[in-house]
Amino acid sequence: MSVKEKIEDVYQHVQNGTALDAFEQYYADNVTMILEDGTEVEGKDANRDRENEFFDSVEEFHGAGVVNITANEEEEATAVESWMDVTFKEGGRMKIEQVATQDWENGKIVRERFYGTQQN
């Protein structure tokens, strides 16, 4: 399976509400995630906790979509432009638009960086 097919599967899981299943399947134990504010979160356990915290904060999921996916198979790199529309338990409804880049090794994401905006 190509890295493009893998990242398409990740985002299909996000749209289906099974993002954490994709996290377990496609993210390396030593993954580093870099958040929009530049904060680096090291390791799968810490990032799993962060992902769980995000999904636990969502009251209602109104939809999500992928605008564009690109991949460089030779360099094992992908980039995804996406959006999601959610209502948070505290904070109201928000549309999140995001670009994420992923570096892959041995079929797993080892580095992911997020760039995004949030609109109320």
PDB file of N, CA and C in Angstrom:
ATOM      1  N   MET A   1       0.851  -1.183   0.000  1.00  0.00           N
ATOM      2  CA  MET A   1       0.000   0.000   0.000  1.00  0.00           C
ATOM      3  C   MET A   1       0.892   1.240   0.000  1.00  0.00           C
ATOM      4  N   SER A   2       0.605   2.189  -0.857  1.00  0.00           N
ATOM      5  CA  SER A   2       1.386   3.419  -0.951  1.00  0.00           C
ATOM      6  C   SER A   2       1.103   4.330   0.257  1.00  0.00           C
ATOM      7  N   VAL A   3       1.995   5.303   0.489  1.00  0.00           N
ATOM      8  CA  VAL A   3       1.731   6.242   1.590  1.00  0.00           C
ATOM      9  C   VAL A   3       0.500   7.087   1.281  1.00  0.00           C
ATOM     10  N   LYS A   4       0.232   7.353   0.021  1.00  0.00           N
ATOM     11  CA  LYS A   4      -0.982   8.107  -0.324  1.00  0.00           C
ATOM     12  C   LYS A   4      -2.224   7.298   0.048  1.00  0.00           C
ATOM     13  N   GLU A   5      -2.228   6.014  -0.261  1.00  0.00           N
ATOM     14  CA  GLU A   5      -3.367   5.171   0.112  1.00  0.00           C
ATOM     15  C   GLU A   5      -3.514   5.085   1.626  1.00  0.00           C
ATOM     16  N   LYS A   6      -2.396   5.039   2.332  1.00  0.00           N
ATOM     17  CA  LYS A   6      -2.462   4.973   3.797  1.00  0.00           C
ATOM     18  C   LYS A   6      -3.038   6.250   4.387  1.00  0.00           C
ATOM     19  N   ILE A   7      -2.584   7.420   3.906  1.00  0.00           N
ATOM     20  CA  ILE A   7      -3.098   8.663   4.482  1.00  0.00           C
ATOM     21  C   ILE A   7      -4.559   8.870   4.085  1.00  0.00           C
ATOM     22  N   GLU A   8      -4.956   8.399   2.905  1.00  0.00           N
ATOM     23  CA  GLU A   8      -6.375   8.440   2.544  1.00  0.00           C
ATOM     24  C   GLU A   8      -7.184   7.590   3.522  1.00  0.00           C
ATOM     25  N   ASP A   9      -6.651   6.457   3.912  1.00  0.00           N
ATOM     26  CA  ASP A   9      -7.333   5.597   4.873  1.00  0.00           C
ATOM     27  C   ASP A   9      -7.429   6.270   6.241  1.00  0.00           C
ATOM     28  N   VAL A  10      -6.351   6.944   6.665  1.00  0.00           N
ATOM     29  CA  VAL A  10      -6.381   7.676   7.934  1.00  0.00           C
ATOM     30  C   VAL A  10      -7.550   8.658   7.943  1.00  0.00           C
ATOM     31  N   TYR A  11      -7.659   9.454   6.879  1.00  0.00           N
ATOM     32  CA  TYR A  11      -8.700  10.484   6.846  1.00  0.00           C
ATOM     33  C   TYR A  11     -10.094   9.894   6.627  1.00  0.00           C
ATOM     34  N   GLN A  12     -10.180   8.737   6.008  1.00  0.00           N
ATOM     35  CA  GLN A  12     -11.465   8.046   5.926  1.00  0.00           C
ATOM     36  C   GLN A  12     -11.920   7.646   7.335  1.00  0.00           C
ATOM     37  N   HIS A  13     -10.971   7.199   8.147  1.00  0.00           N
ATOM     38  CA  HIS A  13     -11.286   6.882   9.547  1.00  0.00           C
ATOM     39  C   HIS A  13     -11.763   8.125  10.296  1.00  0.00           C
ATOM     40  N   VAL A  14     -11.120   9.262  10.064  1.00  0.00           N
ATOM     41  CA  VAL A  14     -11.539  10.507  10.724  1.00  0.00           C
ATOM     42  C   VAL A  14     -12.986  10.807  10.356  1.00  0.00           C
ATOM     43  N   GLN A  15     -13.319  10.714   9.074  1.00  0.00           N
ATOM     44  CA  GLN A  15     -14.679  11.014   8.621  1.00  0.00           C
ATOM     45  C   GLN A  15     -15.692  10.010   9.152  1.00  0.00           C
ATOM     46  N   ASN A  16     -15.257   8.781   9.407  1.00  0.00           N
ATOM     47  CA  ASN A  16     -16.157   7.735   9.903  1.00  0.00           C
ATOM     48  C   ASN A  16     -16.245   7.693  11.425  1.00  0.00           C
ATOM     49  N   GLY A  17     -15.487   8.565  12.100  1.00  0.00           N
ATOM     50  CA  GLY A  17     -15.516   8.580  13.560  1.00  0.00           C
ATOM     51  C   GLY A  17     -14.643   7.520  14.205  1.00  0.00           C
ATOM     52  N   THR A  18     -13.707   6.953  13.448  1.00  0.00           N
ATOM     53  CA  THR A  18     -12.813   5.916  13.983  1.00  0.00           C
ATOM     54  C   THR A  18     -11.350   6.354  13.880  1.00  0.00           C
ATOM     55  N   ALA A  19     -11.102   7.629  14.117  1.00  0.00           N
ATOM     56  CA  ALA A  19      -9.756   8.180  13.985  1.00  0.00           C
ATOM     57  C   ALA A  19      -8.746   7.474  14.883  1.00  0.00           C
ATOM     58  N   LEU A  20      -9.158   7.075  16.066  1.00  0.00           N
ATOM     59  CA  LEU A  20      -8.209   6.434  16.978  1.00  0.00           C
ATOM     60  C   LEU A  20      -7.790   5.053  16.495  1.00  0.00           C
ATOM     61  N   ASP A  21      -8.640   4.382  15.726  1.00  0.00           N
ATOM     62  CA  ASP A  21      -8.233   3.117  15.106  1.00  0.00           C
ATOM     63  C   ASP A  21      -7.104   3.357  14.109  1.00  0.00           C
ATOM     64  N   ALA A  22      -7.231   4.411  13.315  1.00  0.00           N
ATOM     65  CA  ALA A  22      -6.177   4.761  12.356  1.00  0.00           C
ATOM     66  C   ALA A  22      -4.903   5.161  13.091  1.00  0.00           C
ATOM     67  N   PHE A  23      -5.058   5.866  14.207  1.00  0.00           N
ATOM     68  CA  PHE A  23      -3.900   6.264  15.004  1.00  0.00           C
ATOM     69  C   PHE A  23      -3.108   5.026  15.431  1.00  0.00           C
ATOM     70  N   GLU A  24      -3.817   4.026  15.922  1.00  0.00           N
ATOM     71  CA  GLU A  24      -3.140   2.811  16.381  1.00  0.00           C
ATOM     72  C   GLU A  24      -2.460   2.073  15.222  1.00  0.00           C
ATOM     73  N   GLN A  25      -3.079   2.104  14.064  1.00  0.00           N
ATOM     74  CA  GLN A  25      -2.562   1.360  12.920  1.00  0.00           C
ATOM     75  C   GLN A  25      -1.396   2.059  12.221  1.00  0.00           C
ATOM     76  N   TYR A  26      -1.468   3.375  12.092  1.00  0.00           N
ATOM     77  CA  TYR A  26      -0.546   4.071  11.200  1.00  0.00           C
ATOM     78  C   TYR A  26       0.499   4.956  11.875  1.00  0.00           C
ATOM     79  N   TYR A  27       0.453   5.122  13.175  1.00  0.00           N
ATOM     80  CA  TYR A  27       1.406   6.002  13.842  1.00  0.00           C
ATOM     81  C   TYR A  27       2.469   5.192  14.574  1.00  0.00           C
ATOM     82  N   ALA A  28       3.726   5.603  14.425  1.00  0.00           N
ATOM     83  CA  ALA A  28       4.858   4.913  15.047  1.00  0.00           C
ATOM     84  C   ALA A  28       4.893   5.199  16.546  1.00  0.00           C
ATOM     85  N   ASP A  29       5.499   4.291  17.290  1.00  0.00           N
ATOM     86  CA  ASP A  29       5.636   4.477  18.739  1.00  0.00           C
ATOM     87  C   ASP A  29       6.422   5.738  19.078  1.00  0.00           C
ATOM     88  N   ASN A  30       7.361   6.133  18.206  1.00  0.00           N
ATOM     89  CA  ASN A  30       8.199   7.307  18.467  1.00  0.00           C
ATOM     90  C   ASN A  30       7.720   8.549  17.715  1.00  0.00           C
ATOM     91  N   VAL A  31       6.439   8.586  17.328  1.00  0.00           N
ATOM     92  CA  VAL A  31       5.917   9.713  16.554  1.00  0.00           C
ATOM     93  C   VAL A  31       6.071  11.030  17.315  1.00  0.00           C
ATOM     94  N   THR A  32       6.397  12.067  16.554  1.00  0.00           N
ATOM     95  CA  THR A  32       6.395  13.435  17.064  1.00  0.00           C
ATOM     96  C   THR A  32       5.312  14.193  16.320  1.00  0.00           C
ATOM     97  N   MET A  33       4.420  14.832  17.065  1.00  0.00           N
ATOM     98  CA  MET A  33       3.399  15.677  16.459  1.00  0.00           C
ATOM     99  C   MET A  33       3.688  17.111  16.861  1.00  0.00           C
ATOM    100  N   ILE A  34       3.658  17.991  15.863  1.00  0.00           N
ATOM    101  CA  ILE A  34       3.910  19.407  16.091  1.00  0.00           C
ATOM    102  C   ILE A  34       2.594  20.141  15.875  1.00  0.00           C
ATOM    103  N   LEU A  35       2.091  20.752  16.937  1.00  0.00           N
ATOM    104  CA  LEU A  35       0.791  21.411  16.909  1.00  0.00           C
ATOM    105  C   LEU A  35       0.891  22.776  16.240  1.00  0.00           C
ATOM    106  N   GLU A  36      -0.270  23.367  15.964  1.00  0.00           N
ATOM    107  CA  GLU A  36      -0.324  24.655  15.270  1.00  0.00           C
ATOM    108  C   GLU A  36       0.514  25.736  15.957  1.00  0.00           C
ATOM    109  N   ASP A  37       0.596  25.683  17.278  1.00  0.00           N
ATOM    110  CA  ASP A  37       1.349  26.704  18.019  1.00  0.00           C
ATOM    111  C   ASP A  37       2.834  26.374  18.145  1.00  0.00           C
ATOM    112  N   GLY A  38       3.277  25.291  17.513  1.00  0.00           N
ATOM    113  CA  GLY A  38       4.681  24.908  17.548  1.00  0.00           C
ATOM    114  C   GLY A  38       5.043  23.933  18.653  1.00  0.00           C
ATOM    115  N   THR A  39       4.102  23.623  19.545  1.00  0.00           N
ATOM    116  CA  THR A  39       4.350  22.662  20.612  1.00  0.00           C
ATOM    117  C   THR A  39       4.625  21.287  20.016  1.00  0.00           C
ATOM    118  N   GLU A  40       5.696  20.641  20.466  1.00  0.00           N
ATOM    119  CA  GLU A  40       6.026  19.294  20.022  1.00  0.00           C
ATOM    120  C   GLU A  40       5.576  18.295  21.074  1.00  0.00           C
ATOM    121  N   VAL A  41       4.818  17.287  20.636  1.00  0.00           N
ATOM    122  CA  VAL A  41       4.364  16.223  21.526  1.00  0.00           C
ATOM    123  C   VAL A  41       5.067  14.956  21.073  1.00  0.00           C
ATOM    124  N   GLU A  42       5.868  14.393  21.968  1.00  0.00           N
ATOM    125  CA  GLU A  42       6.727  13.253  21.635  1.00  0.00           C
ATOM    126  C   GLU A  42       6.109  11.936  22.090  1.00  0.00           C
ATOM    127  N   GLY A  43       6.110  10.946  21.209  1.00  0.00           N
ATOM    128  CA  GLY A  43       5.722   9.591  21.572  1.00  0.00           C
ATOM    129  C   GLY A  43       4.252   9.285  21.355  1.00  0.00           C
ATOM    130  N   LYS A  44       3.979   8.036  21.051  1.00  0.00           N
ATOM    131  CA  LYS A  44       2.616   7.607  20.752  1.00  0.00           C
ATOM    132  C   LYS A  44       1.697   7.716  21.966  1.00  0.00           C
ATOM    133  N   ASP A  45       2.193   7.372  23.144  1.00  0.00           N
ATOM    134  CA  ASP A  45       1.350   7.433  24.343  1.00  0.00           C
ATOM    135  C   ASP A  45       0.886   8.858  24.622  1.00  0.00           C
ATOM    136  N   ALA A  46       1.797   9.814  24.584  1.00  0.00           N
ATOM    137  CA  ALA A  46       1.445  11.210  24.849  1.00  0.00           C
ATOM    138  C   ALA A  46       0.489  11.743  23.781  1.00  0.00           C
ATOM    139  N   ASN A  47       0.711  11.349  22.534  1.00  0.00           N
ATOM    140  CA  ASN A  47      -0.168  11.806  21.464  1.00  0.00           C
ATOM    141  C   ASN A  47      -1.530  11.131  21.519  1.00  0.00           C
ATOM    142  N   ARG A  48      -1.576   9.878  21.937  1.00  0.00           N
ATOM    143  CA  ARG A  48      -2.862   9.197  22.129  1.00  0.00           C
ATOM    144  C   ARG A  48      -3.674   9.934  23.194  1.00  0.00           C
ATOM    145  N   ASP A  49      -3.017  10.297  24.292  1.00  0.00           N
ATOM    146  CA  ASP A  49      -3.697  11.045  25.355  1.00  0.00           C
ATOM    147  C   ASP A  49      -4.251  12.361  24.813  1.00  0.00           C
ATOM    148  N   ARG A  50      -3.451  13.053  24.004  1.00  0.00           N
ATOM    149  CA  ARG A  50      -3.873  14.333  23.420  1.00  0.00           C
ATOM    150  C   ARG A  50      -5.055  14.133  22.477  1.00  0.00           C
ATOM    151  N   GLU A  51      -5.011  13.094  21.659  1.00  0.00           N
ATOM    152  CA  GLU A  51      -6.115  12.793  20.742  1.00  0.00           C
ATOM    153  C   GLU A  51      -7.386  12.450  21.525  1.00  0.00           C
ATOM    154  N   ASN A  52      -7.257  11.629  22.549  1.00  0.00           N
ATOM    155  CA  ASN A  52      -8.415  11.277  23.374  1.00  0.00           C
ATOM    156  C   ASN A  52      -9.012  12.514  24.034  1.00  0.00           C
ATOM    157  N   GLU A  53      -8.164  13.404  24.512  1.00  0.00           N
ATOM    158  CA  GLU A  53      -8.629  14.641  25.139  1.00  0.00           C
ATOM    159  C   GLU A  53      -9.432  15.471  24.134  1.00  0.00           C
ATOM    160  N   PHE A  54      -8.917  15.572  22.902  1.00  0.00           N
ATOM    161  CA  PHE A  54      -9.639  16.332  21.868  1.00  0.00           C
ATOM    162  C   PHE A  54     -11.018  15.716  21.622  1.00  0.00           C
ATOM    163  N   PHE A  55     -11.065  14.413  21.344  1.00  0.00           N
ATOM    164  CA  PHE A  55     -12.345  13.792  21.012  1.00  0.00           C
ATOM    165  C   PHE A  55     -13.300  13.789  22.199  1.00  0.00           C
ATOM    166  N   ASP A  56     -12.785  13.703  23.420  1.00  0.00           N
ATOM    167  CA  ASP A  56     -13.634  13.789  24.608  1.00  0.00           C
ATOM    168  C   ASP A  56     -14.238  15.178  24.779  1.00  0.00           C
ATOM    169  N   SER A  57     -13.592  16.208  24.211  1.00  0.00           N
ATOM    170  CA  SER A  57     -14.090  17.576  24.336  1.00  0.00           C
ATOM    171  C   SER A  57     -15.181  17.904  23.320  1.00  0.00           C
ATOM    172  N   VAL A  58     -15.401  17.008  22.371  1.00  0.00           N
ATOM    173  CA  VAL A  58     -16.395  17.237  21.320  1.00  0.00           C
ATOM    174  C   VAL A  58     -17.768  16.778  21.787  1.00  0.00           C
ATOM    175  N   GLU A  59     -18.713  17.698  21.709  1.00  0.00           N
ATOM    176  CA  GLU A  59     -20.098  17.368  22.039  1.00  0.00           C
ATOM    177  C   GLU A  59     -20.819  16.780  20.829  1.00  0.00           C
ATOM    178  N   GLU A  60     -20.607  17.408  19.658  1.00  0.00           N
ATOM    179  CA  GLU A  60     -21.286  16.950  18.447  1.00  0.00           C
ATOM    180  C   GLU A  60     -20.363  17.136  17.247  1.00  0.00           C
ATOM    181  N   PHE A  61     -20.344  16.135  16.396  1.00  0.00           N
ATOM    182  CA  PHE A  61     -19.530  16.129  15.193  1.00  0.00           C
ATOM    183  C   PHE A  61     -20.466  16.364  14.012  1.00  0.00           C
ATOM    184  N   HIS A  62     -20.283  17.499  13.308  1.00  0.00           N
ATOM    185  CA  HIS A  62     -21.193  17.871  12.224  1.00  0.00           C
ATOM    186  C   HIS A  62     -20.689  17.444  10.851  1.00  0.00           C
ATOM    187  N   GLY A  63     -19.431  17.105  10.753  1.00  0.00           N
ATOM    188  CA  GLY A  63     -18.901  16.679   9.463  1.00  0.00           C
ATOM    189  C   GLY A  63     -17.427  16.964   9.345  1.00  0.00           C
ATOM    190  N   ALA A  64     -16.836  16.355   8.323  1.00  0.00           N
ATOM    191  CA  ALA A  64     -15.414  16.549   8.033  1.00  0.00           C
ATOM    192  C   ALA A  64     -15.197  16.228   6.572  1.00  0.00           C
ATOM    193  N   GLY A  65     -14.146  16.778   6.022  1.00  0.00           N
ATOM    194  CA  GLY A  65     -13.846  16.490   4.629  1.00  0.00           C
ATOM    195  C   GLY A  65     -12.395  16.737   4.310  1.00  0.00           C
ATOM    196  N   VAL A  66     -11.982  16.148   3.217  1.00  0.00           N
ATOM    197  CA  VAL A  66     -10.629  16.349   2.704  1.00  0.00           C
ATOM    198  C   VAL A  66     -10.732  17.212   1.462  1.00  0.00           C
ATOM    199  N   VAL A  67      -9.951  18.284   1.434  1.00  0.00           N
ATOM    200  CA  VAL A  67      -9.909  19.178   0.279  1.00  0.00           C
ATOM    201  C   VAL A  67      -8.895  18.657  -0.730  1.00  0.00           C
ATOM    202  N   ASN A  68      -7.730  18.223  -0.218  1.00  0.00           N
ATOM    203  CA  ASN A  68      -6.669  17.771  -1.105  1.00  0.00           C
ATOM    204  C   ASN A  68      -5.698  16.869  -0.346  1.00  0.00           C
ATOM    205  N   ILE A  69      -5.201  15.869  -1.034  1.00  0.00           N
ATOM    206  CA  ILE A  69      -4.145  15.006  -0.505  1.00  0.00           C
ATOM    207  C   ILE A  69      -3.066  14.899  -1.567  1.00  0.00           C
ATOM    208  N   THR A  70      -1.834  15.013  -1.128  1.00  0.00           N
ATOM    209  CA  THR A  70      -0.719  14.822  -2.042  1.00  0.00           C
ATOM    210  C   THR A  70       0.315  13.933  -1.365  1.00  0.00           C
ATOM    211  N   ALA A  71       1.118  13.264  -2.189  1.00  0.00           N
ATOM    212  CA  ALA A  71       2.125  12.362  -1.637  1.00  0.00           C
ATOM    213  C   ALA A  71       3.368  12.367  -2.510  1.00  0.00           C
ATOM    214  N   ASN A  72       4.509  12.223  -1.853  1.00  0.00           N
ATOM    215  CA  ASN A  72       5.780  11.976  -2.513  1.00  0.00           C
ATOM    216  C   ASN A  72       6.201  10.585  -2.058  1.00  0.00           C
ATOM    217  N   GLU A  73       5.924   9.609  -2.888  1.00  0.00           N
ATOM    218  CA  GLU A  73       6.173   8.210  -2.518  1.00  0.00           C
ATOM    219  C   GLU A  73       7.658   7.946  -2.292  1.00  0.00           C
ATOM    220  N   GLU A  74       8.499   8.558  -3.105  1.00  0.00           N
ATOM    221  CA  GLU A  74       9.941   8.341  -2.995  1.00  0.00           C
ATOM    222  C   GLU A  74      10.488   8.822  -1.657  1.00  0.00           C
ATOM    223  N   GLU A  75       9.990   9.969  -1.193  1.00  0.00           N
ATOM    224  CA  GLU A  75      10.441  10.546   0.077  1.00  0.00           C
ATOM    225  C   GLU A  75       9.585  10.097   1.261  1.00  0.00           C
ATOM    226  N   GLU A  76       8.541   9.334   1.000  1.00  0.00           N
ATOM    227  CA  GLU A  76       7.599   8.892   2.027  1.00  0.00           C
ATOM    228  C   GLU A  76       7.052  10.073   2.826  1.00  0.00           C
ATOM    229  N   ALA A  77       6.464  11.018   2.076  1.00  0.00           N
ATOM    230  CA  ALA A  77       5.897  12.215   2.679  1.00  0.00           C
ATOM    231  C   ALA A  77       4.508  12.453   2.104  1.00  0.00           C
ATOM    232  N   THR A  78       3.592  12.889   2.959  1.00  0.00           N
ATOM    233  CA  THR A  78       2.240  13.212   2.531  1.00  0.00           C
ATOM    234  C   THR A  78       1.829  14.553   3.121  1.00  0.00           C
ATOM    235  N   ALA A  79       0.801  15.157   2.503  1.00  0.00           N
ATOM    236  CA  ALA A  79       0.218  16.397   3.011  1.00  0.00           C
ATOM    237  C   ALA A  79      -1.274  16.359   2.728  1.00  0.00           C
ATOM    238  N   VAL A  80      -2.048  16.829   3.714  1.00  0.00           N
ATOM    239  CA  VAL A  80      -3.503  16.772   3.614  1.00  0.00           C
ATOM    240  C   VAL A  80      -4.086  18.121   4.035  1.00  0.00           C
ATOM    241  N   GLU A  81      -4.961  18.653   3.193  1.00  0.00           N
ATOM    242  CA  GLU A  81      -5.755  19.829   3.551  1.00  0.00           C
ATOM    243  C   GLU A  81      -7.143  19.310   3.884  1.00  0.00           C
ATOM    244  N   SER A  82      -7.624  19.632   5.075  1.00  0.00           N
ATOM    245  CA  SER A  82      -8.912  19.087   5.515  1.00  0.00           C
ATOM    246  C   SER A  82      -9.662  20.096   6.374  1.00  0.00           C
ATOM    247  N   TRP A  83     -10.885  19.738   6.704  1.00  0.00           N
ATOM    248  CA  TRP A  83     -11.713  20.554   7.596  1.00  0.00           C
ATOM    249  C   TRP A  83     -12.574  19.634   8.456  1.00  0.00           C
ATOM    250  N   MET A  84     -12.992  20.159   9.582  1.00  0.00           N
ATOM    251  CA  MET A  84     -13.994  19.477  10.393  1.00  0.00           C
ATOM    252  C   MET A  84     -14.851  20.527  11.082  1.00  0.00           C
ATOM    253  N   ASP A  85     -16.106  20.184  11.265  1.00  0.00           N
ATOM    254  CA  ASP A  85     -17.092  21.062  11.878  1.00  0.00           C
ATOM    255  C   ASP A  85     -17.585  20.364  13.139  1.00  0.00           C
ATOM    256  N   VAL A  86     -17.277  20.937  14.302  1.00  0.00           N
ATOM    257  CA  VAL A  86     -17.616  20.310  15.572  1.00  0.00           C
ATOM    258  C   VAL A  86     -18.195  21.331  16.538  1.00  0.00           C
ATOM    259  N   THR A  87     -18.988  20.822  17.469  1.00  0.00           N
ATOM    260  CA  THR A  87     -19.408  21.617  18.612  1.00  0.00           C
ATOM    261  C   THR A  87     -18.701  21.046  19.828  1.00  0.00           C
ATOM    262  N   PHE A  88     -17.991  21.917  20.536  1.00  0.00           N
ATOM    263  CA  PHE A  88     -17.279  21.493  21.735  1.00  0.00           C
ATOM    264  C   PHE A  88     -18.182  21.615  22.952  1.00  0.00           C
ATOM    265  N   LYS A  89     -17.940  20.753  23.926  1.00  0.00           N
ATOM    266  CA  LYS A  89     -18.711  20.780  25.172  1.00  0.00           C
ATOM    267  C   LYS A  89     -18.596  22.150  25.830  1.00  0.00           C
ATOM    268  N   GLU A  90     -17.433  22.721  25.747  1.00  0.00           N
ATOM    269  CA  GLU A  90     -17.210  24.083  26.239  1.00  0.00           C
ATOM    270  C   GLU A  90     -16.570  24.853  25.098  1.00  0.00           C
ATOM    271  N   GLY A  91     -17.270  25.840  24.574  1.00  0.00           N
ATOM    272  CA  GLY A  91     -16.667  26.637  23.523  1.00  0.00           C
ATOM    273  C   GLY A  91     -17.485  26.765  22.259  1.00  0.00           C
ATOM    274  N   GLY A  92     -18.576  26.023  22.136  1.00  0.00           N
ATOM    275  CA  GLY A  92     -19.455  26.202  21.005  1.00  0.00           C
ATOM    276  C   GLY A  92     -18.994  25.523  19.733  1.00  0.00           C
ATOM    277  N   ARG A  93     -19.679  25.860  18.674  1.00  0.00           N
ATOM    278  CA  ARG A  93     -19.438  25.255  17.368  1.00  0.00           C
ATOM    279  C   ARG A  93     -18.266  25.935  16.676  1.00  0.00           C
ATOM    280  N   MET A  94     -17.466  25.124  15.980  1.00  0.00           N
ATOM    281  CA  MET A  94     -16.276  25.659  15.341  1.00  0.00           C
ATOM    282  C   MET A  94     -15.965  24.866  14.075  1.00  0.00           C
ATOM    283  N   LYS A  95     -15.570  25.574  13.030  1.00  0.00           N
ATOM    284  CA  LYS A  95     -15.056  24.923  11.830  1.00  0.00           C
ATOM    285  C   LYS A  95     -13.538  25.035  11.889  1.00  0.00           C
ATOM    286  N   ILE A  96     -12.889  23.893  11.820  1.00  0.00           N
ATOM    287  CA  ILE A  96     -11.434  23.830  11.876  1.00  0.00           C
ATOM    288  C   ILE A  96     -10.932  23.488  10.477  1.00  0.00           C
ATOM    289  N   GLU A  97     -10.096  24.369   9.932  1.00  0.00           N
ATOM    290  CA  GLU A  97      -9.465  24.109   8.643  1.00  0.00           C
ATOM    291  C   GLU A  97      -7.994  23.884   8.904  1.00  0.00           C
ATOM    292  N   GLN A  98      -7.442  22.843   8.290  1.00  0.00           N
ATOM    293  CA  GLN A  98      -6.107  22.413   8.681  1.00  0.00           C
ATOM    294  C   GLN A  98      -5.348  21.827   7.495  1.00  0.00           C
ATOM    295  N   VAL A  99      -4.052  22.065   7.513  1.00  0.00           N
ATOM    296  CA  VAL A  99      -3.131  21.337   6.641  1.00  0.00           C
ATOM    297  C   VAL A  99      -2.209  20.562   7.570  1.00  0.00           C
ATOM    298  N   ALA A 100      -2.016  19.291   7.272  1.00  0.00           N
ATOM    299  CA  ALA A 100      -1.105  18.452   8.050  1.00  0.00           C
ATOM    300  C   ALA A 100      -0.117  17.805   7.091  1.00  0.00           C
ATOM    301  N   THR A 101       1.137  17.784   7.503  1.00  0.00           N
ATOM    302  CA  THR A 101       2.165  17.091   6.731  1.00  0.00           C
ATOM    303  C   THR A 101       2.645  15.899   7.540  1.00  0.00           C
ATOM    304  N   GLN A 102       2.941  14.799   6.847  1.00  0.00           N
ATOM    305  CA  GLN A 102       3.363  13.576   7.525  1.00  0.00           C
ATOM    306  C   GLN A 102       4.636  13.039   6.879  1.00  0.00           C
ATOM    307  N   ASP A 103       5.566  12.632   7.719  1.00  0.00           N
ATOM    308  CA  ASP A 103       6.755  11.897   7.289  1.00  0.00           C
ATOM    309  C   ASP A 103       6.572  10.460   7.734  1.00  0.00           C
ATOM    310  N   TRP A 104       6.838   9.516   6.824  1.00  0.00           N
ATOM    311  CA  TRP A 104       6.605   8.094   7.059  1.00  0.00           C
ATOM    312  C   TRP A 104       7.919   7.332   7.062  1.00  0.00           C
ATOM    313  N   GLU A 105       7.992   6.301   7.893  1.00  0.00           N
ATOM    314  CA  GLU A 105       9.089   5.337   7.876  1.00  0.00           C
ATOM    315  C   GLU A 105       8.508   3.965   8.153  1.00  0.00           C
ATOM    316  N   ASN A 106       8.868   3.001   7.324  1.00  0.00           N
ATOM    317  CA  ASN A 106       8.408   1.620   7.506  1.00  0.00           C
ATOM    318  C   ASN A 106       6.891   1.521   7.653  1.00  0.00           C
ATOM    319  N   GLY A 107       6.166   2.322   6.863  1.00  0.00           N
ATOM    320  CA  GLY A 107       4.712   2.248   6.856  1.00  0.00           C
ATOM    321  C   GLY A 107       4.003   2.961   7.989  1.00  0.00           C
ATOM    322  N   LYS A 108       4.755   3.716   8.801  1.00  0.00           N
ATOM    323  CA  LYS A 108       4.175   4.417   9.950  1.00  0.00           C
ATOM    324  C   LYS A 108       4.541   5.903   9.904  1.00  0.00           C
ATOM    325  N   ILE A 109       3.652   6.726  10.425  1.00  0.00           N
ATOM    326  CA  ILE A 109       3.937   8.157  10.533  1.00  0.00           C
ATOM    327  C   ILE A 109       4.872   8.369  11.719  1.00  0.00           C
ATOM    328  N   VAL A 110       6.009   9.015  11.453  1.00  0.00           N
ATOM    329  CA  VAL A 110       6.979   9.295  12.512  1.00  0.00           C
ATOM    330  C   VAL A 110       6.999  10.780  12.888  1.00  0.00           C
ATOM    331  N   ARG A 111       6.449  11.616  11.994  1.00  0.00           N
ATOM    332  CA  ARG A 111       6.394  13.049  12.273  1.00  0.00           C
ATOM    333  C   ARG A 111       5.172  13.608  11.563  1.00  0.00           C
ATOM    334  N   GLU A 112       4.392  14.391  12.316  1.00  0.00           N
ATOM    335  CA  GLU A 112       3.234  15.053  11.727  1.00  0.00           C
ATOM    336  C   GLU A 112       3.195  16.485  12.238  1.00  0.00           C
ATOM    337  N   ARG A 113       3.000  17.413  11.318  1.00  0.00           N
ATOM    338  CA  ARG A 113       2.936  18.827  11.687  1.00  0.00           C
ATOM    339  C   ARG A 113       1.619  19.403  11.190  1.00  0.00           C
ATOM    340  N   PHE A 114       0.983  20.196  12.049  1.00  0.00           N
ATOM    341  CA  PHE A 114      -0.317  20.782  11.746  1.00  0.00           C
ATOM    342  C   PHE A 114      -0.205  22.279  11.574  1.00  0.00           C
ATOM    343  N   TYR A 115      -0.937  22.787  10.580  1.00  0.00           N
ATOM    344  CA  TYR A 115      -1.088  24.212  10.325  1.00  0.00           C
ATOM    345  C   TYR A 115      -2.587  24.434  10.190  1.00  0.00           C
ATOM    346  N   GLY A 116      -3.154  25.436  10.872  1.00  0.00           N
ATOM    347  CA  GLY A 116      -4.587  25.551  10.745  1.00  0.00           C
ATOM    348  C   GLY A 116      -5.173  26.826  11.280  1.00  0.00           C
ATOM    349  N   THR A 117      -6.491  26.949  11.018  1.00  0.00           N
ATOM    350  CA  THR A 117      -7.288  28.061  11.519  1.00  0.00           C
ATOM    351  C   THR A 117      -8.556  27.501  12.126  1.00  0.00           C
ATOM    352  N   GLN A 118      -9.137  28.288  13.005  1.00  0.00           N
ATOM    353  CA  GLN A 118     -10.397  27.902  13.631  1.00  0.00           C
ATOM    354  C   GLN A 118     -11.359  29.078  13.492  1.00  0.00           C
ATOM    355  N   GLN A 119     -12.596  28.784  13.097  1.00  0.00           N
ATOM    356  CA  GLN A 119     -13.605  29.816  12.918  1.00  0.00           C
ATOM    357  C   GLN A 119     -14.828  29.476  13.742  1.00  0.00           C
ATOM    358  N   ASN A 120     -15.285  30.440  14.510  1.00  0.00           N
ATOM    359  CA  ASN A 120     -16.525  30.231  15.289  1.00  0.00           C
ATOM    360  C   ASN A 120     -17.725  30.514  14.421  1.00  0.00           C
TER     361      ASN A 120
END
